[in-house]
Amino acid sequence: APGKERELVATITSDGGGYYAEPVKGRFTISKDNAKNTVYLQMNSL
């Protein structure tokens, strides 16, 4: 955000394991599609 430090939201490892920062737990989901070389962040209850 403007004037603030960059912060971690979520990570996903090659085997699909996810990690979420506390403010987004239960609301955001990180996923990936290896065939498409694409990672996603589904953001709900914004």
PDB file of all heavy atoms in Angstrom:
ATOM      1  N   ALA A   1       0.839  -1.176   0.000  1.00  0.00           N
ATOM      2  CA  ALA A   1       0.000   0.000   0.000  1.00  0.00           C
ATOM      3  C   ALA A   1       0.888   1.245   0.000  1.00  0.00           C
ATOM      4  O   ALA A   1       2.040   1.183   0.437  1.00  0.00           O
ATOM      5  CB  ALA A   1      -0.919   0.003   1.220  1.00  0.00           C
ATOM      6  N   PRO A   2       0.387   2.387  -0.476  1.00  0.00           N
ATOM      7  CA  PRO A   2       1.205   3.602  -0.505  1.00  0.00           C
ATOM      8  C   PRO A   2       1.773   3.951   0.867  1.00  0.00           C
ATOM      9  O   PRO A   2       1.052   3.953   1.864  1.00  0.00           O
ATOM     10  CB  PRO A   2       0.222   4.674  -0.983  1.00  0.00           C
ATOM     11  CG  PRO A   2      -0.781   3.918  -1.787  1.00  0.00           C
ATOM     12  CD  PRO A   2      -0.940   2.600  -1.065  1.00  0.00           C
ATOM     13  N   GLY A   3       3.069   4.215   0.908  1.00  0.00           N
ATOM     14  CA  GLY A   3       3.726   4.591   2.142  1.00  0.00           C
ATOM     15  C   GLY A   3       3.997   3.456   3.104  1.00  0.00           C
ATOM     16  O   GLY A   3       4.495   3.697   4.205  1.00  0.00           O
ATOM     17  N   LYS A   4       3.686   2.229   2.706  1.00  0.00           N
ATOM     18  CA  LYS A   4       3.885   1.088   3.579  1.00  0.00           C
ATOM     19  C   LYS A   4       4.858   0.099   2.948  1.00  0.00           C
ATOM     20  O   LYS A   4       5.119   0.131   1.752  1.00  0.00           O
ATOM     21  CB  LYS A   4       2.555   0.401   3.888  1.00  0.00           C
ATOM     22  CG  LYS A   4       1.573   1.270   4.653  1.00  0.00           C
ATOM     23  CD  LYS A   4       0.325   0.498   5.022  1.00  0.00           C
ATOM     24  CE  LYS A   4      -0.631   1.359   5.833  1.00  0.00           C
ATOM     25  NZ  LYS A   4      -1.857   0.609   6.206  1.00  0.00           N
ATOM     26  N   GLU A   5       5.386  -0.775   3.786  1.00  0.00           N
ATOM     27  CA  GLU A   5       6.302  -1.798   3.313  1.00  0.00           C
ATOM     28  C   GLU A   5       5.557  -2.879   2.552  1.00  0.00           C
ATOM     29  O   GLU A   5       4.388  -3.160   2.810  1.00  0.00           O
ATOM     30  CB  GLU A   5       7.050  -2.428   4.485  1.00  0.00           C
ATOM     31  CG  GLU A   5       7.943  -1.473   5.255  1.00  0.00           C
ATOM     32  CD  GLU A   5       8.667  -2.159   6.397  1.00  0.00           C
ATOM     33  OE1 GLU A   5       8.514  -3.388   6.558  1.00  0.00           O
ATOM     34  OE2 GLU A   5       9.390  -1.473   7.128  1.00  0.00           O
ATOM     35  N   ARG A   6       6.263  -3.483   1.610  1.00  0.00           N
ATOM     36  CA  ARG A   6       5.703  -4.628   0.919  1.00  0.00           C
ATOM     37  C   ARG A   6       5.585  -5.792   1.899  1.00  0.00           C
ATOM     38  O   ARG A   6       6.510  -6.073   2.667  1.00  0.00           O
ATOM     39  CB  ARG A   6       6.593  -5.013  -0.257  1.00  0.00           C
ATOM     40  CG  ARG A   6       6.005  -6.090  -1.149  1.00  0.00           C
ATOM     41  CD  ARG A   6       6.845  -6.289  -2.408  1.00  0.00           C
ATOM     42  NE  ARG A   6       6.887  -5.075  -3.214  1.00  0.00           N
ATOM     43  CZ  ARG A   6       7.424  -5.001  -4.426  1.00  0.00           C
ATOM     44  NH1 ARG A   6       7.966  -6.080  -4.976  1.00  0.00           N
ATOM     45  NH2 ARG A   6       7.425  -3.853  -5.085  1.00  0.00           N
ATOM     46  N   GLU A   7       4.446  -6.464   1.887  1.00  0.00           N
ATOM     47  CA  GLU A   7       4.205  -7.545   2.823  1.00  0.00           C
ATOM     48  C   GLU A   7       3.783  -8.815   2.107  1.00  0.00           C
ATOM     49  O   GLU A   7       3.151  -8.788   1.054  1.00  0.00           O
ATOM     50  CB  GLU A   7       3.140  -7.153   3.856  1.00  0.00           C
ATOM     51  CG  GLU A   7       1.756  -6.927   3.273  1.00  0.00           C
ATOM     52  CD  GLU A   7       0.716  -6.613   4.330  1.00  0.00           C
ATOM     53  OE1 GLU A   7       1.056  -6.601   5.534  1.00  0.00           O
ATOM     54  OE2 GLU A   7      -0.457  -6.378   3.966  1.00  0.00           O
ATOM     55  N   LEU A   8       4.132  -9.922   2.719  1.00  0.00           N
ATOM     56  CA  LEU A   8       3.757 -11.224   2.189  1.00  0.00           C
ATOM     57  C   LEU A   8       2.264 -11.451   2.340  1.00  0.00           C
ATOM     58  O   LEU A   8       1.684 -11.155   3.387  1.00  0.00           O
ATOM     59  CB  LEU A   8       4.522 -12.322   2.925  1.00  0.00           C
ATOM     60  CG  LEU A   8       4.130 -13.763   2.594  1.00  0.00           C
ATOM     61  CD1 LEU A   8       4.549 -14.115   1.174  1.00  0.00           C
ATOM     62  CD2 LEU A   8       4.770 -14.724   3.587  1.00  0.00           C
ATOM     63  N   VAL A   9       1.650 -11.985   1.303  1.00  0.00           N
ATOM     64  CA  VAL A   9       0.247 -12.370   1.342  1.00  0.00           C
ATOM     65  C   VAL A   9       0.115 -13.886   1.418  1.00  0.00           C
ATOM     66  O   VAL A   9      -0.550 -14.423   2.306  1.00  0.00           O
ATOM     67  CB  VAL A   9      -0.521 -11.833   0.121  1.00  0.00           C
ATOM     68  CG1 VAL A   9      -1.969 -12.329   0.132  1.00  0.00           C
ATOM     69  CG2 VAL A   9      -0.472 -10.309   0.098  1.00  0.00           C
ATOM     70  N   ALA A  10       0.746 -14.586   0.483  1.00  0.00           N
ATOM     71  CA  ALA A  10       0.652 -16.037   0.434  1.00  0.00           C
ATOM     72  C   ALA A  10       1.781 -16.595  -0.406  1.00  0.00           C
ATOM     73  O   ALA A  10       2.300 -15.919  -1.297  1.00  0.00           O
ATOM     74  CB  ALA A  10      -0.699 -16.483  -0.143  1.00  0.00           C
ATOM     75  N   THR A  11       2.167 -17.833  -0.130  1.00  0.00           N
ATOM     76  CA  THR A  11       3.144 -18.541  -0.945  1.00  0.00           C
ATOM     77  C   THR A  11       2.636 -19.944  -1.233  1.00  0.00           C
ATOM     78  O   THR A  11       1.797 -20.478  -0.507  1.00  0.00           O
ATOM     79  CB  THR A  11       4.520 -18.647  -0.271  1.00  0.00           C
ATOM     80  OG1 THR A  11       4.412 -19.394   0.944  1.00  0.00           O
ATOM     81  CG2 THR A  11       5.093 -17.266   0.021  1.00  0.00           C
ATOM     82  N   ILE A  12       3.167 -20.527  -2.295  1.00  0.00           N
ATOM     83  CA  ILE A  12       2.844 -21.904  -2.638  1.00  0.00           C
ATOM     84  C   ILE A  12       4.112 -22.580  -3.133  1.00  0.00           C
ATOM     85  O   ILE A  12       4.844 -22.042  -3.960  1.00  0.00           O
ATOM     86  CB  ILE A  12       1.702 -21.975  -3.675  1.00  0.00           C
ATOM     87  CG1 ILE A  12       1.266 -23.422  -3.906  1.00  0.00           C
ATOM     88  CG2 ILE A  12       2.096 -21.292  -4.982  1.00  0.00           C
ATOM     89  CD1 ILE A  12      -0.058 -23.538  -4.669  1.00  0.00           C
ATOM     90  N   THR A  13       4.390 -23.765  -2.605  1.00  0.00           N
ATOM     91  CA  THR A  13       5.567 -24.515  -2.992  1.00  0.00           C
ATOM     92  C   THR A  13       5.263 -25.382  -4.201  1.00  0.00           C
ATOM     93  O   THR A  13       4.126 -25.489  -4.653  1.00  0.00           O
ATOM     94  CB  THR A  13       6.060 -25.383  -1.826  1.00  0.00           C
ATOM     95  OG1 THR A  13       5.002 -26.229  -1.373  1.00  0.00           O
ATOM     96  CG2 THR A  13       6.534 -24.509  -0.678  1.00  0.00           C
ATOM     97  N   SER A  14       6.305 -26.017  -4.726  1.00  0.00           N
ATOM     98  CA  SER A  14       6.140 -26.810  -5.935  1.00  0.00           C
ATOM     99  C   SER A  14       5.181 -27.977  -5.744  1.00  0.00           C
ATOM    100  O   SER A  14       4.518 -28.394  -6.700  1.00  0.00           O
ATOM    101  CB  SER A  14       7.494 -27.326  -6.432  1.00  0.00           C
ATOM    102  OG  SER A  14       8.116 -28.146  -5.455  1.00  0.00           O
ATOM    103  N   ASP A  15       5.081 -28.489  -4.514  1.00  0.00           N
ATOM    104  CA  ASP A  15       4.167 -29.595  -4.250  1.00  0.00           C
ATOM    105  C   ASP A  15       2.767 -29.129  -3.879  1.00  0.00           C
ATOM    106  O   ASP A  15       1.898 -29.943  -3.561  1.00  0.00           O
ATOM    107  CB  ASP A  15       4.722 -30.517  -3.164  1.00  0.00           C
ATOM    108  CG  ASP A  15       4.811 -29.846  -1.804  1.00  0.00           C
ATOM    109  OD1 ASP A  15       4.531 -28.642  -1.698  1.00  0.00           O
ATOM    110  OD2 ASP A  15       5.174 -30.540  -0.835  1.00  0.00           O
ATOM    111  N   GLY A  16       2.534 -27.818  -3.901  1.00  0.00           N
ATOM    112  CA  GLY A  16       1.212 -27.283  -3.654  1.00  0.00           C
ATOM    113  C   GLY A  16       0.942 -26.816  -2.248  1.00  0.00           C
ATOM    114  O   GLY A  16      -0.175 -26.350  -1.963  1.00  0.00           O
ATOM    115  N   GLY A  17       1.911 -26.923  -1.361  1.00  0.00           N
ATOM    116  CA  GLY A  17       1.718 -26.470  -0.001  1.00  0.00           C
ATOM    117  C   GLY A  17       1.611 -24.957   0.078  1.00  0.00           C
ATOM    118  O   GLY A  17       2.407 -24.240  -0.528  1.00  0.00           O
ATOM    119  N   GLY A  18       0.635 -24.475   0.818  1.00  0.00           N
ATOM    120  CA  GLY A  18       0.378 -23.053   0.893  1.00  0.00           C
ATOM    121  C   GLY A  18       0.653 -22.465   2.263  1.00  0.00           C
ATOM    122  O   GLY A  18       0.581 -23.152   3.285  1.00  0.00           O
ATOM    123  N   TYR A  19       0.992 -21.194   2.264  1.00  0.00           N
ATOM    124  CA  TYR A  19       1.172 -20.426   3.480  1.00  0.00           C
ATOM    125  C   TYR A  19       0.455 -19.102   3.293  1.00  0.00           C
ATOM    126  O   TYR A  19       0.522 -18.497   2.222  1.00  0.00           O
ATOM    127  CB  TYR A  19       2.655 -20.168   3.775  1.00  0.00           C
ATOM    128  CG  TYR A  19       2.868 -19.191   4.907  1.00  0.00           C
ATOM    129  CD1 TYR A  19       2.853 -19.617   6.228  1.00  0.00           C
ATOM    130  CD2 TYR A  19       3.055 -17.831   4.653  1.00  0.00           C
ATOM    131  CE1 TYR A  19       3.018 -18.716   7.266  1.00  0.00           C
ATOM    132  CE2 TYR A  19       3.222 -16.926   5.685  1.00  0.00           C
ATOM    133  CZ  TYR A  19       3.204 -17.376   6.989  1.00  0.00           C
ATOM    134  OH  TYR A  19       3.363 -16.481   8.018  1.00  0.00           O
ATOM    135  N   TYR A  20      -0.222 -18.637   4.359  1.00  0.00           N
ATOM    136  CA  TYR A  20      -0.978 -17.394   4.290  1.00  0.00           C
ATOM    137  C   TYR A  20      -0.643 -16.490   5.459  1.00  0.00           C
ATOM    138  O   TYR A  20      -0.508 -16.952   6.599  1.00  0.00           O
ATOM    139  CB  TYR A  20      -2.477 -17.683   4.303  1.00  0.00           C
ATOM    140  CG  TYR A  20      -2.929 -18.525   3.142  1.00  0.00           C
ATOM    141  CD1 TYR A  20      -2.949 -19.915   3.230  1.00  0.00           C
ATOM    142  CD2 TYR A  20      -3.322 -17.938   1.948  1.00  0.00           C
ATOM    143  CE1 TYR A  20      -3.348 -20.690   2.161  1.00  0.00           C
ATOM    144  CE2 TYR A  20      -3.727 -18.703   0.871  1.00  0.00           C
ATOM    145  CZ  TYR A  20      -3.729 -20.080   0.987  1.00  0.00           C
ATOM    146  OH  TYR A  20      -4.133 -20.842  -0.087  1.00  0.00           O
ATOM    147  N   ALA A  21      -0.519 -15.214   5.160  1.00  0.00           N
ATOM    148  CA  ALA A  21      -0.374 -14.238   6.219  1.00  0.00           C
ATOM    149  C   ALA A  21      -1.673 -14.161   7.017  1.00  0.00           C
ATOM    150  O   ALA A  21      -2.767 -14.367   6.475  1.00  0.00           O
ATOM    151  CB  ALA A  21      -0.033 -12.867   5.633  1.00  0.00           C
ATOM    152  N   GLU A  22      -1.566 -13.867   8.294  1.00  0.00           N
ATOM    153  CA  GLU A  22      -2.720 -13.879   9.172  1.00  0.00           C
ATOM    154  C   GLU A  22      -3.892 -13.018   8.682  1.00  0.00           C
ATOM    155  O   GLU A  22      -5.040 -13.460   8.772  1.00  0.00           O
ATOM    156  CB  GLU A  22      -2.308 -13.451  10.582  1.00  0.00           C
ATOM    157  CG  GLU A  22      -3.393 -13.664  11.629  1.00  0.00           C
ATOM    158  CD  GLU A  22      -3.716 -15.126  11.848  1.00  0.00           C
ATOM    159  OE1 GLU A  22      -2.811 -15.966  11.667  1.00  0.00           O
ATOM    160  OE2 GLU A  22      -4.874 -15.432  12.195  1.00  0.00           O
ATOM    161  N   PRO A  23      -3.653 -11.811   8.145  1.00  0.00           N
ATOM    162  CA  PRO A  23      -4.801 -10.980   7.742  1.00  0.00           C
ATOM    163  C   PRO A  23      -5.667 -11.570   6.628  1.00  0.00           C
ATOM    164  O   PRO A  23      -6.817 -11.144   6.479  1.00  0.00           O
ATOM    165  CB  PRO A  23      -4.140  -9.678   7.271  1.00  0.00           C
ATOM    166  CG  PRO A  23      -2.834  -9.644   7.981  1.00  0.00           C
ATOM    167  CD  PRO A  23      -2.391 -11.075   8.036  1.00  0.00           C
ATOM    168  N   VAL A  24      -5.132 -12.528   5.869  1.00  0.00           N
ATOM    169  CA  VAL A  24      -5.898 -13.060   4.739  1.00  0.00           C
ATOM    170  C   VAL A  24      -6.324 -14.501   4.942  1.00  0.00           C
ATOM    171  O   VAL A  24      -7.020 -15.057   4.072  1.00  0.00           O
ATOM    172  CB  VAL A  24      -5.115 -12.922   3.418  1.00  0.00           C
ATOM    173  CG1 VAL A  24      -4.630 -11.491   3.227  1.00  0.00           C
ATOM    174  CG2 VAL A  24      -3.950 -13.906   3.364  1.00  0.00           C
ATOM    175  N   LYS A  25      -5.956 -15.113   6.040  1.00  0.00           N
ATOM    176  CA  LYS A  25      -6.321 -16.503   6.289  1.00  0.00           C
ATOM    177  C   LYS A  25      -7.834 -16.678   6.289  1.00  0.00           C
ATOM    178  O   LYS A  25      -8.556 -15.896   6.905  1.00  0.00           O
ATOM    179  CB  LYS A  25      -5.750 -16.984   7.614  1.00  0.00           C
ATOM    180  CG  LYS A  25      -4.260 -17.245   7.589  1.00  0.00           C
ATOM    181  CD  LYS A  25      -3.761 -17.768   8.933  1.00  0.00           C
ATOM    182  CE  LYS A  25      -2.277 -18.058   8.893  1.00  0.00           C
ATOM    183  NZ  LYS A  25      -1.767 -18.514  10.217  1.00  0.00           N
ATOM    184  N   GLY A  26      -8.284 -17.698   5.589  1.00  0.00           N
ATOM    185  CA  GLY A  26      -9.703 -17.967   5.497  1.00  0.00           C
ATOM    186  C   GLY A  26     -10.417 -17.189   4.422  1.00  0.00           C
ATOM    187  O   GLY A  26     -11.585 -17.473   4.131  1.00  0.00           O
ATOM    188  N   ARG A  27      -9.755 -16.207   3.819  1.00  0.00           N
ATOM    189  CA  ARG A  27     -10.373 -15.385   2.785  1.00  0.00           C
ATOM    190  C   ARG A  27      -9.702 -15.545   1.424  1.00  0.00           C
ATOM    191  O   ARG A  27     -10.370 -15.488   0.396  1.00  0.00           O
ATOM    192  CB  ARG A  27     -10.339 -13.910   3.181  1.00  0.00           C
ATOM    193  CG  ARG A  27     -11.081 -13.601   4.477  1.00  0.00           C
ATOM    194  CD  ARG A  27     -11.190 -12.100   4.706  1.00  0.00           C
ATOM    195  NE  ARG A  27      -9.878 -11.465   4.877  1.00  0.00           N
ATOM    196  CZ  ARG A  27      -9.405 -10.502   4.100  1.00  0.00           C
ATOM    197  NH1 ARG A  27     -10.129 -10.037   3.085  1.00  0.00           N
ATOM    198  NH2 ARG A  27      -8.207  -9.978   4.334  1.00  0.00           N
ATOM    199  N   PHE A  28      -8.380 -15.728   1.416  1.00  0.00           N
ATOM    200  CA  PHE A  28      -7.629 -15.842   0.170  1.00  0.00           C
ATOM    201  C   PHE A  28      -7.151 -17.274  -0.021  1.00  0.00           C
ATOM    202  O   PHE A  28      -6.863 -17.980   0.946  1.00  0.00           O
ATOM    203  CB  PHE A  28      -6.398 -14.934   0.180  1.00  0.00           C
ATOM    204  CG  PHE A  28      -6.682 -13.458   0.152  1.00  0.00           C
ATOM    205  CD1 PHE A  28      -7.958 -12.953   0.280  1.00  0.00           C
ATOM    206  CD2 PHE A  28      -5.631 -12.567  -0.008  1.00  0.00           C
ATOM    207  CE1 PHE A  28      -8.203 -11.589   0.260  1.00  0.00           C
ATOM    208  CE2 PHE A  28      -5.858 -11.203  -0.039  1.00  0.00           C
ATOM    209  CZ  PHE A  28      -7.144 -10.709   0.098  1.00  0.00           C
ATOM    210  N   THR A  29      -7.038 -17.684  -1.274  1.00  0.00           N
ATOM    211  CA  THR A  29      -6.523 -19.002  -1.611  1.00  0.00           C
ATOM    212  C   THR A  29      -5.527 -18.884  -2.753  1.00  0.00           C
ATOM    213  O   THR A  29      -5.853 -18.323  -3.801  1.00  0.00           O
ATOM    214  CB  THR A  29      -7.649 -19.966  -2.015  1.00  0.00           C
ATOM    215  OG1 THR A  29      -8.607 -20.066  -0.959  1.00  0.00           O
ATOM    216  CG2 THR A  29      -7.071 -21.354  -2.312  1.00  0.00           C
ATOM    217  N   ILE A  30      -4.323 -19.410  -2.554  1.00  0.00           N
ATOM    218  CA  ILE A  30      -3.326 -19.425  -3.604  1.00  0.00           C
ATOM    219  C   ILE A  30      -3.333 -20.798  -4.267  1.00  0.00           C
ATOM    220  O   ILE A  30      -3.485 -21.825  -3.601  1.00  0.00           O
ATOM    221  CB  ILE A  30      -1.926 -19.066  -3.055  1.00  0.00           C
ATOM    222  CG1 ILE A  30      -0.926 -18.879  -4.200  1.00  0.00           C
ATOM    223  CG2 ILE A  30      -1.433 -20.104  -2.055  1.00  0.00           C
ATOM    224  CD1 ILE A  30       0.404 -18.289  -3.751  1.00  0.00           C
ATOM    225  N   SER A  31      -3.196 -20.817  -5.574  1.00  0.00           N
ATOM    226  CA  SER A  31      -3.174 -22.063  -6.317  1.00  0.00           C
ATOM    227  C   SER A  31      -2.313 -21.876  -7.555  1.00  0.00           C
ATOM    228  O   SER A  31      -1.912 -20.753  -7.885  1.00  0.00           O
ATOM    229  CB  SER A  31      -4.589 -22.510  -6.704  1.00  0.00           C
ATOM    230  OG  SER A  31      -5.210 -21.559  -7.549  1.00  0.00           O
ATOM    231  N   LYS A  32      -2.036 -22.970  -8.241  1.00  0.00           N
ATOM    232  CA  LYS A  32      -1.236 -22.873  -9.450  1.00  0.00           C
ATOM    233  C   LYS A  32      -1.619 -23.948 -10.445  1.00  0.00           C
ATOM    234  O   LYS A  32      -2.180 -24.985 -10.085  1.00  0.00           O
ATOM    235  CB  LYS A  32       0.268 -22.959  -9.128  1.00  0.00           C
ATOM    236  CG  LYS A  32       0.723 -24.265  -8.501  1.00  0.00           C
ATOM    237  CD  LYS A  32       2.187 -24.159  -8.063  1.00  0.00           C
ATOM    238  CE  LYS A  32       2.672 -25.433  -7.382  1.00  0.00           C
ATOM    239  NZ  LYS A  32       2.910 -26.509  -8.382  1.00  0.00           N
ATOM    240  N   ASP A  33      -1.309 -23.683 -11.691  1.00  0.00           N
ATOM    241  CA  ASP A  33      -1.526 -24.624 -12.778  1.00  0.00           C
ATOM    242  C   ASP A  33      -0.174 -24.805 -13.450  1.00  0.00           C
ATOM    243  O   ASP A  33       0.284 -23.931 -14.191  1.00  0.00           O
ATOM    244  CB  ASP A  33      -2.568 -24.084 -13.754  1.00  0.00           C
ATOM    245  CG  ASP A  33      -2.926 -25.081 -14.842  1.00  0.00           C
ATOM    246  OD1 ASP A  33      -2.082 -25.904 -15.224  1.00  0.00           O
ATOM    247  OD2 ASP A  33      -4.074 -25.028 -15.328  1.00  0.00           O
ATOM    248  N   ASN A  34       0.476 -25.920 -13.179  1.00  0.00           N
ATOM    249  CA  ASN A  34       1.819 -26.136 -13.698  1.00  0.00           C
ATOM    250  C   ASN A  34       1.860 -26.157 -15.228  1.00  0.00           C
ATOM    251  O   ASN A  34       2.808 -25.653 -15.833  1.00  0.00           O
ATOM    252  CB  ASN A  34       2.392 -27.446 -13.151  1.00  0.00           C
ATOM    253  CG  ASN A  34       2.682 -27.382 -11.671  1.00  0.00           C
ATOM    254  OD1 ASN A  34       2.746 -26.308 -11.075  1.00  0.00           O
ATOM    255  ND2 ASN A  34       2.871 -28.541 -11.064  1.00  0.00           N
ATOM    256  N   ALA A  35       0.852 -26.740 -15.842  1.00  0.00           N
ATOM    257  CA  ALA A  35       0.821 -26.824 -17.297  1.00  0.00           C
ATOM    258  C   ALA A  35       0.755 -25.450 -17.940  1.00  0.00           C
ATOM    259  O   ALA A  35       1.280 -25.246 -19.039  1.00  0.00           O
ATOM    260  CB  ALA A  35      -0.350 -27.683 -17.753  1.00  0.00           C
ATOM    261  N   LYS A  36       0.097 -24.513 -17.278  1.00  0.00           N
ATOM    262  CA  LYS A  36      -0.035 -23.157 -17.800  1.00  0.00           C
ATOM    263  C   LYS A  36       1.016 -22.206 -17.251  1.00  0.00           C
ATOM    264  O   LYS A  36       1.032 -21.028 -17.622  1.00  0.00           O
ATOM    265  CB  LYS A  36      -1.424 -22.608 -17.490  1.00  0.00           C
ATOM    266  CG  LYS A  36      -2.553 -23.381 -18.146  1.00  0.00           C
ATOM    267  CD  LYS A  36      -3.895 -22.730 -17.835  1.00  0.00           C
ATOM    268  CE  LYS A  36      -5.035 -23.520 -18.442  1.00  0.00           C
ATOM    269  NZ  LYS A  36      -4.958 -23.559 -19.926  1.00  0.00           N
ATOM    270  N   ASN A  37       1.873 -22.688 -16.361  1.00  0.00           N
ATOM    271  CA  ASN A  37       2.881 -21.845 -15.716  1.00  0.00           C
ATOM    272  C   ASN A  37       2.244 -20.597 -15.115  1.00  0.00           C
ATOM    273  O   ASN A  37       2.746 -19.481 -15.274  1.00  0.00           O
ATOM    274  CB  ASN A  37       3.983 -21.462 -16.702  1.00  0.00           C
ATOM    275  CG  ASN A  37       4.830 -22.644 -17.113  1.00  0.00           C
ATOM    276  OD1 ASN A  37       5.325 -23.387 -16.263  1.00  0.00           O
ATOM    277  ND2 ASN A  37       5.001 -22.823 -18.418  1.00  0.00           N
ATOM    278  N   THR A  38       1.152 -20.808 -14.417  1.00  0.00           N
ATOM    279  CA  THR A  38       0.377 -19.701 -13.879  1.00  0.00           C
ATOM    280  C   THR A  38       0.020 -19.960 -12.426  1.00  0.00           C
ATOM    281  O   THR A  38      -0.350 -21.079 -12.061  1.00  0.00           O
ATOM    282  CB  THR A  38      -0.902 -19.481 -14.698  1.00  0.00           C
ATOM    283  OG1 THR A  38      -0.556 -19.200 -16.057  1.00  0.00           O
ATOM    284  CG2 THR A  38      -1.713 -18.318 -14.154  1.00  0.00           C
ATOM    285  N   VAL A  39       0.137 -18.922 -11.613  1.00  0.00           N
ATOM    286  CA  VAL A  39      -0.278 -18.976 -10.222  1.00  0.00           C
ATOM    287  C   VAL A  39      -1.433 -18.010 -10.027  1.00  0.00           C
ATOM    288  O   VAL A  39      -1.494 -16.961 -10.688  1.00  0.00           O
ATOM    289  CB  VAL A  39       0.903 -18.663  -9.278  1.00  0.00           C
ATOM    290  CG1 VAL A  39       1.422 -17.253  -9.500  1.00  0.00           C
ATOM    291  CG2 VAL A  39       0.504 -18.872  -7.834  1.00  0.00           C
ATOM    292  N   TYR A  40      -2.353 -18.352  -9.149  1.00  0.00           N
ATOM    293  CA  TYR A  40      -3.558 -17.571  -8.934  1.00  0.00           C
ATOM    294  C   TYR A  40      -3.687 -17.174  -7.468  1.00  0.00           C
ATOM    295  O   TYR A  40      -3.157 -17.835  -6.571  1.00  0.00           O
ATOM    296  CB  TYR A  40      -4.802 -18.365  -9.331  1.00  0.00           C
ATOM    297  CG  TYR A  40      -4.762 -18.912 -10.733  1.00  0.00           C
ATOM    298  CD1 TYR A  40      -4.316 -20.206 -10.983  1.00  0.00           C
ATOM    299  CD2 TYR A  40      -5.170 -18.140 -11.816  1.00  0.00           C
ATOM    300  CE1 TYR A  40      -4.279 -20.711 -12.267  1.00  0.00           C
ATOM    301  CE2 TYR A  40      -5.133 -18.639 -13.100  1.00  0.00           C
ATOM    302  CZ  TYR A  40      -4.686 -19.933 -13.324  1.00  0.00           C
ATOM    303  OH  TYR A  40      -4.647 -20.425 -14.606  1.00  0.00           O
ATOM    304  N   LEU A  41      -4.412 -16.111  -7.247  1.00  0.00           N
ATOM    305  CA  LEU A  41      -4.798 -15.721  -5.905  1.00  0.00           C
ATOM    306  C   LEU A  41      -6.282 -15.402  -5.927  1.00  0.00           C
ATOM    307  O   LEU A  41      -6.693 -14.385  -6.487  1.00  0.00           O
ATOM    308  CB  LEU A  41      -4.005 -14.513  -5.415  1.00  0.00           C
ATOM    309  CG  LEU A  41      -4.274 -14.099  -3.964  1.00  0.00           C
ATOM    310  CD1 LEU A  41      -3.758 -15.167  -3.002  1.00  0.00           C
ATOM    311  CD2 LEU A  41      -3.644 -12.750  -3.659  1.00  0.00           C
ATOM    312  N   GLN A  42      -7.075 -16.289  -5.351  1.00  0.00           N
ATOM    313  CA  GLN A  42      -8.502 -16.057  -5.216  1.00  0.00           C
ATOM    314  C   GLN A  42      -8.735 -15.257  -3.950  1.00  0.00           C
ATOM    315  O   GLN A  42      -8.365 -15.693  -2.859  1.00  0.00           O
ATOM    316  CB  GLN A  42      -9.264 -17.382  -5.152  1.00  0.00           C
ATOM    317  CG  GLN A  42     -10.771 -17.225  -4.996  1.00  0.00           C
ATOM    318  CD  GLN A  42     -11.418 -16.588  -6.205  1.00  0.00           C
ATOM    319  OE1 GLN A  42     -11.137 -16.975  -7.337  1.00  0.00           O
ATOM    320  NE2 GLN A  42     -12.267 -15.593  -5.978  1.00  0.00           N
ATOM    321  N   MET A  43      -9.334 -14.088  -4.094  1.00  0.00           N
ATOM    322  CA  MET A  43      -9.523 -13.160  -2.994  1.00  0.00           C
ATOM    323  C   MET A  43     -11.016 -13.004  -2.744  1.00  0.00           C
ATOM    324  O   MET A  43     -11.738 -12.453  -3.577  1.00  0.00           O
ATOM    325  CB  MET A  43      -8.891 -11.807  -3.323  1.00  0.00           C
ATOM    326  CG  MET A  43      -7.445 -11.908  -3.801  1.00  0.00           C
ATOM    327  SD  MET A  43      -6.843 -10.373  -4.565  1.00  0.00           S
ATOM    328  CE  MET A  43      -6.818  -9.292  -3.143  1.00  0.00           C
ATOM    329  N   ASN A  44     -11.477 -13.493  -1.615  1.00  0.00           N
ATOM    330  CA  ASN A  44     -12.879 -13.404  -1.232  1.00  0.00           C
ATOM    331  C   ASN A  44     -13.040 -12.532   0.004  1.00  0.00           C
ATOM    332  O   ASN A  44     -12.087 -12.284   0.741  1.00  0.00           O
ATOM    333  CB  ASN A  44     -13.448 -14.796  -0.955  1.00  0.00           C
ATOM    334  CG  ASN A  44     -13.417 -15.705  -2.152  1.00  0.00           C
ATOM    335  OD1 ASN A  44     -13.583 -15.265  -3.291  1.00  0.00           O
ATOM    336  ND2 ASN A  44     -13.227 -16.995  -1.915  1.00  0.00           N
ATOM    337  N   SER A  45     -14.259 -12.091   0.233  1.00  0.00           N
ATOM    338  CA  SER A  45     -14.580 -11.270   1.402  1.00  0.00           C
ATOM    339  C   SER A  45     -13.612 -10.109   1.549  1.00  0.00           C
ATOM    340  O   SER A  45     -13.079  -9.841   2.629  1.00  0.00           O
ATOM    341  CB  SER A  45     -14.578 -12.137   2.669  1.00  0.00           C
ATOM    342  OG  SER A  45     -15.512 -13.189   2.562  1.00  0.00           O
ATOM    343  N   LEU A  46     -13.395  -9.403   0.466  1.00  0.00           N
ATOM    344  CA  LEU A  46     -12.400  -8.337   0.450  1.00  0.00           C
ATOM    345  C   LEU A  46     -12.782  -7.193   1.379  1.00  0.00           C
ATOM    346  O   LEU A  46     -13.959  -6.848   1.524  1.00  0.00           O
ATOM    347  CB  LEU A  46     -12.202  -7.828  -0.968  1.00  0.00           C
ATOM    348  CG  LEU A  46     -11.349  -8.752  -1.849  1.00  0.00           C
ATOM    349  CD1 LEU A  46     -11.555  -8.442  -3.320  1.00  0.00           C
ATOM    350  CD2 LEU A  46      -9.876  -8.619  -1.472  1.00  0.00           C
TER     351      LEU A  46
END
